Amino acid sequence: MTGKVSTMEIGGDFVSNPIPQILATLAVATSSFSLGAIIAWTSPSIPDLERTGSLGILTLEDKSWIASLVTIGALLCGPFSGYIIEKCGRRSSLQIFAIIMTIGWCLMSTGLNVLVMCVGRFLTGFAMGGNIHITMVYLSEISEEKIRGILMSLTYIECALGILYIYVLGSFVSWFTLTVTNIVFPVISFCSLFFIPESPLHLMNKGRKKEAGDALMWLRRADSFEQIESEFRKLLEISLQPTSKNGDVIQENFSAFTRGNLGALAIVVGLMLCQQLSGVNAVVFYSLFIFDTAGTGLDPNMCSIIVGVVILVSVFINLMLIDRVGRRVLLIVSQLGMTLSLVSLGTFFYLKKENGGETPPGLSLLPLFCLISFMVTYNFGAGPVPWIMMGELLPIQIKRFGCAFATSLNWVLAFIVTKYFENLVVLLDIHMCYFLFGGFCFIGLIFCIMWVPETRGKSLEAIQMLYFPK
């Protein structure tokens, strides 16, 4: 036995202490908190900007660009983050994006004009895209398999906390105060990253074996190199694999794109389509607008806070179910729940229209219940599961390309939904928008039932052999 209470040796095999991995996760997860804040910021801030006239008279086009430019920033960040993560390392890259995010929030807080606000939103989105990519890579490289899922899910919890933070604080303070307070979080992220090590795998790839060993010992809280020697040798083997310029194992021509690999990619792309065409970003970005438009007499800010709490609680529920119930079941329940929620919400707005613009008797709470059920079922499956299954379904030969393609598609769809939601409301009327999103969710339900495999409890090799034979 070692002198540490929580570190054990069983039968001569070293069992690491998870606390350093948790601390490292919390350090990088601060950026995920900012991600949630960036996403939700428009909900309380745009109505306040309109009331105060801080940016002058905001047109529909102005508001849609302010809301959607974060997704364009995240999309365009892909090539840059892919380059900088290998050039500077995971930890330093996260610090660079923390600086960019700080600059973005500072520009937004000036409130000079719509253009400066849009530039600030673009920069925060750019930083957001880089943080998502690098955080997932870093956590996958430092964490042990037995706790990897939980650690990566902590970032999703931080994102939900960021959304709730914006909804709560935005109910009591001005857009300016709300924006200024968000400057502190990337600063905290930047500073906290000094206290955790670089990814051992990255250090190994750069030939810095001594530093890689030290980092691995810190992460496993090992007393001697012998305790982590076996894992160290595995990292060394991985680092010695020949790689192409984009980081994938070398493949000749297009031989990696076999029928099985393309099938896996098609399912991942389908899951991303299901996620974004559910209209989730329209719900989160414009929650205050939705409650205000519903005209139920309820305080829109309080309704948004309730939705934020529900998002957080549902994320915790997903953590308990993801490895017990299975991915496919959660996706099916999620798509069904979102379909019913959106169709019900569309029905409410249709009945309100038919009632001369007045809320139908006895239905004043229906919009709140619909959005709560939508967010609960979204966070059961359609929110986190596509990202988890992307890592499980895509084989290593096309993982870098597949992840980049699916993530880019996700951001493109997020931009389209966010940018044109209010335009769509004007064009089709709000009830038809929710019927449309509900229709997409129903198609997603059929897709999940017919084509999405179950990956719970299966190794990556078993998934490929079972579902995607060459």
Protein backbone atom coordinates (compact mmCIF):
# COMPACT_ATOMS: atom_id res chain seq x y z
CA MET A 1 0.00 0.00 0.00
CA THR A 2 1.10 3.54 -0.64
CA GLY A 3 0.87 6.29 1.91
CA LYS A 4 -2.13 7.86 0.17
CA VAL A 5 -5.54 6.84 1.41
CA SER A 6 -7.36 6.99 -1.94
CA THR A 7 -4.63 5.36 -4.04
CA MET A 8 -4.46 1.58 -3.87
CA GLU A 9 -2.38 -1.30 -5.12
CA ILE A 10 -4.36 -4.47 -5.62
CA GLY A 11 -2.45 -7.60 -6.42
CA GLY A 12 0.56 -5.51 -7.41
CA ASP A 13 -1.42 -3.49 -9.97
CA PHE A 14 -1.50 0.26 -9.48
CA VAL A 15 -4.96 1.83 -9.20
CA SER A 16 -4.83 5.55 -9.78
CA ASN A 17 -6.51 8.31 -7.84
CA PRO A 18 -9.18 10.07 -9.96
CA ILE A 19 -8.97 13.41 -8.11
CA PRO A 20 -6.23 14.96 -10.33
CA GLN A 21 -8.23 14.03 -13.44
CA ILE A 22 -11.33 15.64 -11.93
CA LEU A 23 -9.37 18.80 -11.07
CA ALA A 24 -7.98 18.96 -14.61
CA THR A 25 -11.49 18.51 -16.00
CA LEU A 26 -12.86 21.32 -13.83
CA ALA A 27 -10.03 23.59 -14.99
CA VAL A 28 -10.84 23.12 -18.68
CA ALA A 29 -14.61 22.94 -18.10
CA THR A 30 -14.70 26.64 -17.17
CA SER A 31 -14.67 27.29 -20.91
CA SER A 32 -17.82 25.15 -21.22
CA PHE A 33 -19.52 27.43 -18.69
CA SER A 34 -18.71 30.34 -20.99
CA LEU A 35 -20.09 28.34 -23.91
CA GLY A 36 -23.48 28.09 -22.19
CA ALA A 37 -23.36 31.80 -21.38
CA ILE A 38 -22.58 32.68 -25.00
CA ILE A 39 -25.49 30.60 -26.29
CA ALA A 40 -28.06 31.99 -23.83
CA TRP A 41 -26.88 35.63 -23.78
CA THR A 42 -29.21 36.77 -26.56
CA SER A 43 -32.36 35.66 -24.73
CA PRO A 44 -32.37 38.40 -22.04
CA SER A 45 -29.96 40.82 -23.74
CA ILE A 46 -31.61 41.51 -27.11
CA PRO A 47 -34.97 42.51 -25.54
CA ASP A 48 -33.07 44.78 -23.12
CA LEU A 49 -31.07 46.31 -25.97
CA GLU A 50 -34.36 47.07 -27.72
CA ARG A 51 -35.89 48.63 -24.61
CA THR A 52 -32.89 50.82 -23.78
CA GLY A 53 -31.96 51.71 -27.35
CA SER A 54 -28.28 51.21 -26.48
CA LEU A 55 -27.48 50.22 -30.06
CA GLY A 56 -30.13 52.40 -31.64
CA ILE A 57 -33.19 50.90 -33.31
CA LEU A 58 -32.54 47.20 -33.91
CA THR A 59 -33.98 45.77 -37.11
CA LEU A 60 -34.95 42.13 -37.51
CA GLU A 61 -31.78 41.66 -39.55
CA ASP A 62 -29.63 43.22 -36.80
CA LYS A 63 -31.06 40.92 -34.15
CA SER A 64 -30.66 37.79 -36.27
CA TRP A 65 -26.99 38.58 -36.99
CA ILE A 66 -26.23 39.33 -33.33
CA ALA A 67 -27.76 35.99 -32.37
CA SER A 68 -26.29 33.83 -35.12
CA LEU A 69 -22.74 35.10 -35.62
CA VAL A 70 -21.46 32.91 -32.77
CA THR A 71 -22.20 29.85 -34.91
CA ILE A 72 -20.29 31.30 -37.87
CA GLY A 73 -17.33 32.01 -35.59
CA ALA A 74 -17.42 28.44 -34.27
CA LEU A 75 -17.63 27.05 -37.80
CA LEU A 76 -14.68 29.06 -39.12
CA CYS A 77 -12.58 28.16 -36.10
CA GLY A 78 -12.26 24.53 -37.20
CA PRO A 79 -9.13 24.76 -39.39
CA PHE A 80 -7.42 27.17 -36.96
CA SER A 81 -8.06 25.02 -33.89
CA GLY A 82 -6.89 21.92 -35.76
CA TYR A 83 -3.59 23.66 -36.52
CA ILE A 84 -2.99 25.35 -33.18
CA ILE A 85 -3.78 22.28 -31.07
CA GLU A 86 -0.83 20.44 -32.63
CA LYS A 87 1.44 23.47 -32.85
CA CYS A 88 0.98 24.86 -29.34
CA GLY A 89 -0.46 21.94 -27.42
CA ARG A 90 -3.84 21.44 -25.77
CA ARG A 91 -3.33 23.58 -22.67
CA SER A 92 -1.74 26.57 -24.40
CA SER A 93 -4.40 26.45 -27.13
CA LEU A 94 -7.15 26.67 -24.53
CA GLN A 95 -5.41 29.70 -23.03
CA ILE A 96 -5.21 31.37 -26.45
CA PHE A 97 -8.94 30.87 -26.95
CA ALA A 98 -9.58 32.19 -23.44
CA ILE A 99 -7.84 35.43 -24.49
CA ILE A 100 -9.93 35.61 -27.68
CA MET A 101 -13.11 35.05 -25.69
CA THR A 102 -12.16 37.79 -23.23
CA ILE A 103 -11.62 40.22 -26.12
CA GLY A 104 -15.01 39.25 -27.54
CA TRP A 105 -16.87 39.92 -24.28
CA CYS A 106 -15.00 43.23 -23.87
CA LEU A 107 -16.04 44.39 -27.35
CA MET A 108 -19.65 43.43 -26.66
CA SER A 109 -19.65 45.36 -23.38
CA THR A 110 -18.68 48.62 -25.12
CA GLY A 111 -22.08 48.80 -26.82
CA LEU A 112 -20.67 51.18 -29.44
CA ASN A 113 -22.81 49.99 -32.33
CA VAL A 114 -24.25 46.91 -33.99
CA LEU A 115 -21.05 46.21 -35.94
CA VAL A 116 -18.85 46.12 -32.82
CA MET A 117 -21.43 43.93 -31.08
CA CYS A 118 -21.39 41.53 -34.04
CA VAL A 119 -17.58 41.40 -34.04
CA GLY A 120 -17.64 40.59 -30.32
CA ARG A 121 -20.22 37.87 -30.85
CA PHE A 122 -18.16 36.42 -33.71
CA LEU A 123 -15.02 36.30 -31.54
CA THR A 124 -16.81 34.62 -28.63
CA GLY A 125 -18.22 32.08 -31.09
CA PHE A 126 -14.76 31.55 -32.59
CA ALA A 127 -13.38 30.87 -29.11
CA MET A 128 -16.35 28.66 -28.32
CA GLY A 129 -15.70 26.45 -31.36
CA GLY A 130 -12.05 26.05 -30.44
CA ASN A 131 -12.81 25.31 -26.80
CA ILE A 132 -15.30 22.56 -27.65
CA HIS A 133 -12.84 20.82 -29.96
CA ILE A 134 -9.76 21.10 -27.75
CA THR A 135 -11.55 20.32 -24.48
CA MET A 136 -12.89 17.04 -25.88
CA VAL A 137 -9.45 16.09 -27.23
CA TYR A 138 -7.69 16.97 -23.97
CA LEU A 139 -10.14 15.07 -21.76
CA SER A 140 -10.08 12.00 -24.00
CA GLU A 141 -6.28 11.95 -23.73
CA ILE A 142 -5.87 12.47 -19.98
CA SER A 143 -8.75 10.39 -18.60
CA GLU A 144 -8.92 6.69 -17.87
CA GLU A 145 -11.56 4.64 -19.67
CA LYS A 146 -13.54 3.86 -16.51
CA ILE A 147 -14.29 7.54 -15.80
CA ARG A 148 -13.89 9.08 -19.26
CA GLY A 149 -17.63 9.30 -19.93
CA ILE A 150 -18.35 11.00 -16.62
CA LEU A 151 -15.49 13.49 -16.99
CA MET A 152 -16.53 14.46 -20.51
CA SER A 153 -20.13 14.82 -19.35
CA LEU A 154 -19.02 17.33 -16.71
CA THR A 155 -18.43 19.80 -19.55
CA TYR A 156 -22.08 19.43 -20.56
CA ILE A 157 -23.10 20.20 -16.97
CA GLU A 158 -20.91 23.31 -17.00
CA CYS A 159 -22.61 24.42 -20.22
CA ALA A 160 -26.04 23.97 -18.60
CA LEU A 161 -24.84 26.00 -15.60
CA GLY A 162 -23.76 28.77 -17.97
CA ILE A 163 -27.21 28.88 -19.55
CA LEU A 164 -28.90 28.99 -16.14
CA TYR A 165 -26.51 31.72 -14.98
CA ILE A 166 -27.51 33.95 -17.91
CA TYR A 167 -31.23 33.33 -17.45
CA VAL A 168 -31.09 34.11 -13.71
CA LEU A 169 -28.76 37.12 -13.74
CA GLY A 170 -30.31 38.48 -16.95
CA SER A 171 -33.65 38.73 -15.15
CA PHE A 172 -32.28 41.27 -12.67
CA VAL A 173 -29.51 43.26 -14.39
CA SER A 174 -29.04 45.18 -17.62
CA TRP A 175 -27.46 43.70 -20.74
CA PHE A 176 -24.32 45.72 -19.97
CA THR A 177 -23.86 44.33 -16.46
CA LEU A 178 -24.63 40.83 -17.71
CA THR A 179 -21.99 41.15 -20.42
CA VAL A 180 -19.30 42.62 -18.16
CA THR A 181 -19.69 39.84 -15.58
CA ASN A 182 -18.94 37.26 -18.27
CA ILE A 183 -15.45 38.69 -18.82
CA VAL A 184 -14.30 37.09 -15.57
CA PHE A 185 -14.91 33.46 -16.63
CA PRO A 186 -12.38 33.19 -19.49
CA VAL A 187 -9.88 34.98 -17.21
CA ILE A 188 -10.46 32.31 -14.56
CA SER A 189 -10.10 29.63 -17.24
CA PHE A 190 -6.81 31.14 -18.45
CA CYS A 191 -5.33 31.23 -14.95
CA SER A 192 -6.54 27.79 -13.84
CA LEU A 193 -4.89 26.12 -16.83
CA PHE A 194 -1.45 26.98 -15.41
CA PHE A 195 -2.08 24.46 -12.61
CA ILE A 196 -2.72 21.38 -14.77
CA PRO A 197 -0.30 19.47 -17.02
CA GLU A 198 -0.23 19.27 -20.78
CA SER A 199 -1.68 16.15 -22.40
CA PRO A 200 0.85 13.30 -21.99
CA LEU A 201 0.03 12.04 -25.48
CA HIS A 202 0.78 15.43 -27.03
CA LEU A 203 4.08 15.64 -25.16
CA MET A 204 4.93 12.13 -26.33
CA ASN A 205 4.13 13.04 -29.93
CA LYS A 206 6.58 15.95 -29.61
CA GLY A 207 9.32 13.66 -28.30
CA ARG A 208 9.19 15.13 -24.77
CA LYS A 209 9.09 11.77 -23.01
CA LYS A 210 10.31 12.98 -19.62
CA GLU A 211 7.60 15.65 -19.45
CA ALA A 212 5.01 13.14 -20.67
CA GLY A 213 5.94 10.79 -17.84
CA ASP A 214 5.76 13.58 -15.27
CA ALA A 215 2.34 14.67 -16.57
CA LEU A 216 1.03 11.11 -16.44
CA MET A 217 2.31 10.66 -12.88
CA TRP A 218 0.54 13.89 -11.84
CA LEU A 219 -2.73 12.83 -13.47
CA ARG A 220 -2.66 9.36 -11.88
CA ARG A 221 -1.17 10.63 -8.59
CA ALA A 222 1.56 8.02 -8.83
CA ASP A 223 4.51 7.91 -6.44
CA SER A 224 6.92 6.33 -8.91
CA PHE A 225 7.33 5.90 -12.64
CA GLU A 226 6.98 2.12 -12.30
CA GLN A 227 3.33 2.57 -11.31
CA ILE A 228 2.42 4.18 -14.64
CA GLU A 229 5.04 2.47 -16.81
CA SER A 230 2.51 0.20 -18.55
CA GLU A 231 0.30 3.13 -19.57
CA PHE A 232 3.36 5.14 -20.54
CA ARG A 233 4.45 2.40 -22.95
CA LYS A 234 0.99 2.33 -24.55
CA LEU A 235 1.22 6.07 -25.17
CA LEU A 236 4.66 5.55 -26.67
CA GLU A 237 3.29 2.95 -29.08
CA ILE A 238 0.50 5.30 -30.17
CA SER A 239 2.94 8.17 -30.70
CA LEU A 240 5.14 5.98 -32.91
CA GLN A 241 2.30 5.20 -35.35
CA PRO A 242 2.89 6.84 -38.75
CA THR A 243 0.44 9.65 -39.33
CA SER A 244 -0.58 11.76 -42.25
CA LYS A 245 -0.66 15.55 -42.20
CA ASN A 246 -4.19 15.63 -40.87
CA GLY A 247 -3.33 13.29 -38.03
CA ASP A 248 -5.08 10.13 -39.25
CA VAL A 249 -3.33 6.80 -39.64
CA ILE A 250 -1.95 6.79 -43.19
CA GLN A 251 -4.34 5.41 -45.79
CA GLU A 252 -3.67 5.12 -49.50
CA ASN A 253 -5.97 7.21 -51.72
CA PHE A 254 -9.59 6.74 -50.62
CA SER A 255 -9.21 3.22 -49.29
CA ALA A 256 -10.35 4.37 -45.84
CA PHE A 257 -13.82 5.19 -47.19
CA THR A 258 -15.14 1.66 -47.25
CA ARG A 259 -18.83 0.82 -47.27
CA GLY A 260 -18.75 0.20 -43.52
CA ASN A 261 -16.92 3.44 -42.71
CA LEU A 262 -19.26 5.48 -44.89
CA GLY A 263 -22.22 3.84 -43.16
CA ALA A 264 -20.87 4.93 -39.77
CA LEU A 265 -20.33 8.47 -41.07
CA ALA A 266 -23.86 8.57 -42.50
CA ILE A 267 -25.36 7.70 -39.10
CA VAL A 268 -23.28 10.37 -37.33
CA VAL A 269 -24.34 12.97 -39.92
CA GLY A 270 -27.96 11.87 -39.49
CA LEU A 271 -27.74 12.35 -35.72
CA MET A 272 -26.34 15.86 -36.19
CA LEU A 273 -29.24 16.67 -38.53
CA CYS A 274 -31.70 15.37 -35.92
CA GLN A 275 -30.08 17.52 -33.24
CA GLN A 276 -30.07 20.87 -35.02
CA LEU A 277 -33.29 20.54 -37.05
CA SER A 278 -35.16 20.03 -33.78
CA GLY A 279 -34.87 23.82 -33.46
CA VAL A 280 -33.10 23.65 -30.10
CA ASN A 281 -31.00 26.74 -30.74
CA ALA A 282 -34.10 28.73 -31.63
CA VAL A 283 -35.58 27.67 -28.27
CA VAL A 284 -32.48 28.55 -26.20
CA PHE A 285 -31.51 31.74 -28.07
CA TYR A 286 -35.07 33.08 -28.15
CA SER A 287 -36.71 31.63 -25.02
CA LEU A 288 -37.69 35.07 -23.72
CA PHE A 289 -39.14 35.95 -27.14
CA ILE A 290 -41.19 32.74 -27.15
CA PHE A 291 -42.71 33.35 -23.72
CA ASP A 292 -43.35 37.00 -24.55
CA THR A 293 -45.05 36.05 -27.83
CA ALA A 294 -47.16 33.43 -26.07
CA GLY A 295 -48.81 36.21 -24.05
CA THR A 296 -49.72 33.88 -21.21
CA GLY A 297 -49.45 36.53 -18.49
CA LEU A 298 -46.52 34.69 -16.91
CA ASP A 299 -43.26 36.53 -16.28
CA PRO A 300 -41.07 35.62 -19.31
CA ASN A 301 -37.88 35.96 -17.25
CA MET A 302 -39.15 33.57 -14.60
CA CYS A 303 -40.20 31.09 -17.28
CA SER A 304 -36.70 31.24 -18.78
CA ILE A 305 -35.17 30.59 -15.36
CA ILE A 306 -37.42 27.56 -14.91
CA VAL A 307 -36.32 26.25 -18.32
CA GLY A 308 -32.67 26.82 -17.33
CA VAL A 309 -33.13 24.82 -14.12
CA VAL A 310 -34.81 22.05 -16.10
CA ILE A 311 -31.90 21.95 -18.56
CA LEU A 312 -29.46 21.48 -15.67
CA VAL A 313 -31.54 18.79 -13.94
CA SER A 314 -32.12 16.88 -17.17
CA VAL A 315 -28.37 16.80 -17.85
CA PHE A 316 -27.83 15.13 -14.47
CA ILE A 317 -30.58 12.63 -15.26
CA ASN A 318 -28.88 11.81 -18.55
CA LEU A 319 -25.62 11.10 -16.68
CA MET A 320 -27.42 8.46 -14.61
CA LEU A 321 -29.13 6.86 -17.61
CA ILE A 322 -26.56 6.98 -20.43
CA ASP A 323 -24.67 3.83 -19.38
CA ARG A 324 -27.69 2.03 -17.92
CA VAL A 325 -30.43 2.42 -20.51
CA GLY A 326 -28.30 2.79 -23.63
CA ARG A 327 -27.80 5.40 -26.33
CA ARG A 328 -30.37 4.17 -28.84
CA VAL A 329 -33.23 3.97 -26.34
CA LEU A 330 -32.50 7.48 -25.07
CA LEU A 331 -32.44 8.81 -28.63
CA ILE A 332 -35.82 7.24 -29.43
CA VAL A 333 -37.41 8.59 -26.24
CA SER A 334 -35.82 11.97 -26.92
CA GLN A 335 -37.09 12.27 -30.50
CA LEU A 336 -40.60 11.16 -29.50
CA GLY A 337 -40.73 13.60 -26.58
CA MET A 338 -39.49 16.51 -28.69
CA THR A 339 -42.03 15.72 -31.42
CA LEU A 340 -44.95 15.78 -28.98
CA SER A 341 -43.66 18.93 -27.24
CA LEU A 342 -43.20 20.93 -30.43
CA VAL A 343 -46.51 19.83 -31.96
CA SER A 344 -48.26 20.80 -28.71
CA LEU A 345 -46.53 24.19 -28.71
CA GLY A 346 -47.50 24.74 -32.34
CA THR A 347 -51.09 23.80 -31.50
CA PHE A 348 -51.13 26.38 -28.69
CA PHE A 349 -50.03 29.19 -31.01
CA TYR A 350 -52.53 28.05 -33.66
CA LEU A 351 -55.39 28.12 -31.15
CA LYS A 352 -54.22 31.52 -29.93
CA LYS A 353 -54.32 32.84 -33.50
CA GLU A 354 -57.80 31.40 -34.04
CA ASN A 355 -58.88 33.00 -30.75
CA GLY A 356 -58.11 36.49 -32.03
CA GLY A 357 -54.64 36.66 -30.51
CA GLU A 358 -55.89 35.90 -27.00
CA THR A 359 -54.53 33.01 -24.94
CA PRO A 360 -57.05 30.13 -25.07
CA PRO A 361 -58.82 29.57 -21.72
CA GLY A 362 -57.09 27.04 -19.49
CA LEU A 363 -53.94 26.86 -21.65
CA SER A 364 -51.83 29.67 -20.18
CA LEU A 365 -49.27 27.23 -18.74
CA LEU A 366 -49.02 25.07 -21.87
CA PRO A 367 -46.06 26.93 -23.49
CA LEU A 368 -44.03 26.57 -20.29
CA PHE A 369 -44.84 22.86 -19.99
CA CYS A 370 -44.04 22.32 -23.68
CA LEU A 371 -40.64 23.98 -23.46
CA ILE A 372 -39.83 22.14 -20.22
CA SER A 373 -40.71 18.77 -21.76
CA PHE A 374 -38.80 19.70 -24.93
CA MET A 375 -35.60 20.56 -23.05
CA VAL A 376 -35.87 17.52 -20.77
CA THR A 377 -36.26 15.09 -23.65
CA TYR A 378 -33.63 16.93 -25.73
CA ASN A 379 -31.07 16.53 -22.95
CA PHE A 380 -32.03 12.88 -22.51
CA GLY A 381 -30.69 12.00 -25.93
CA ALA A 382 -30.64 14.38 -28.89
CA GLY A 383 -28.30 16.82 -27.11
CA PRO A 384 -25.40 14.77 -25.71
CA VAL A 385 -25.73 11.37 -27.43
CA PRO A 386 -24.73 12.43 -31.00
CA TRP A 387 -21.42 13.74 -29.66
CA ILE A 388 -20.81 10.55 -27.67
CA MET A 389 -21.73 8.28 -30.59
CA MET A 390 -19.56 10.30 -32.96
CA GLY A 391 -16.54 9.10 -30.98
CA GLU A 392 -17.88 5.55 -30.75
CA LEU A 393 -19.07 4.98 -34.32
CA LEU A 394 -16.37 6.62 -36.43
CA PRO A 395 -13.37 4.32 -37.02
CA ILE A 396 -9.89 5.73 -36.55
CA GLN A 397 -9.20 5.75 -40.31
CA ILE A 398 -11.75 8.51 -40.89
CA LYS A 399 -12.22 9.86 -37.35
CA ARG A 400 -10.50 13.22 -37.90
CA PHE A 401 -12.27 13.84 -41.21
CA GLY A 402 -15.59 12.49 -39.94
CA CYS A 403 -15.52 14.55 -36.73
CA ALA A 404 -14.57 17.70 -38.64
CA PHE A 405 -17.28 17.17 -41.26
CA ALA A 406 -20.04 16.34 -38.76
CA THR A 407 -19.10 19.22 -36.45
CA SER A 408 -18.98 21.70 -39.34
CA LEU A 409 -22.38 20.52 -40.53
CA ASN A 410 -23.71 20.97 -37.00
CA TRP A 411 -22.55 24.60 -36.85
CA VAL A 412 -23.90 25.36 -40.34
CA LEU A 413 -27.32 24.06 -39.34
CA ALA A 414 -27.14 25.95 -36.03
CA PHE A 415 -26.45 29.16 -37.97
CA ILE A 416 -29.35 28.62 -40.38
CA VAL A 417 -31.84 27.87 -37.59
CA THR A 418 -30.67 30.77 -35.40
CA LYS A 419 -30.27 33.34 -38.18
CA TYR A 420 -33.60 32.74 -39.88
CA PHE A 421 -35.88 31.74 -36.99
CA GLU A 422 -37.50 35.17 -36.60
CA ASN A 423 -37.68 35.52 -40.39
CA LEU A 424 -39.40 32.15 -40.50
CA VAL A 425 -41.87 33.32 -37.86
CA VAL A 426 -42.74 36.33 -40.04
CA LEU A 427 -43.01 34.18 -43.18
CA LEU A 428 -44.92 31.16 -41.87
CA ASP A 429 -46.31 32.33 -38.52
CA ILE A 430 -44.96 30.94 -35.28
CA HIS A 431 -47.28 27.92 -35.05
CA MET A 432 -46.09 26.62 -38.43
CA CYS A 433 -42.46 26.97 -37.29
CA TYR A 434 -43.06 24.59 -34.42
CA PHE A 435 -45.03 22.19 -36.58
CA LEU A 436 -42.05 22.22 -38.96
CA PHE A 437 -39.53 21.49 -36.19
CA GLY A 438 -41.88 18.82 -34.84
CA GLY A 439 -41.99 17.22 -38.28
CA PHE A 440 -38.19 17.08 -38.39
CA CYS A 441 -38.17 15.44 -34.94
CA PHE A 442 -40.64 12.81 -36.15
CA ILE A 443 -38.39 12.03 -39.12
CA GLY A 444 -35.52 11.79 -36.61
CA LEU A 445 -37.58 9.31 -34.58
CA ILE A 446 -37.99 7.05 -37.62
CA PHE A 447 -34.27 7.39 -38.38
CA CYS A 448 -33.25 6.36 -34.85
CA ILE A 449 -35.62 3.38 -34.82
CA MET A 450 -34.53 2.04 -38.19
CA TRP A 451 -30.83 2.84 -38.53
CA VAL A 452 -29.12 3.87 -35.28
CA PRO A 453 -27.31 0.97 -33.54
CA GLU A 454 -26.82 0.48 -29.81
CA THR A 455 -23.23 1.05 -28.67
CA ARG A 456 -23.57 0.76 -24.88
CA GLY A 457 -21.13 -1.69 -23.35
CA LYS A 458 -19.34 -2.42 -26.62
CA SER A 459 -15.71 -1.72 -27.43
CA LEU A 460 -14.89 0.43 -30.45
CA GLU A 461 -13.58 -2.64 -32.27
CA ALA A 462 -16.75 -4.63 -31.53
CA ILE A 463 -18.95 -1.78 -32.80
CA GLN A 464 -17.10 -1.70 -36.11
CA MET A 465 -17.17 -5.48 -36.58
CA LEU A 466 -20.82 -5.85 -35.57
CA TYR A 467 -22.46 -2.93 -37.36
CA PHE A 468 -20.05 -1.80 -40.06
CA PRO A 469 -18.24 -4.78 -41.63
CA LYS A 470 -15.80 -3.78 -44.35
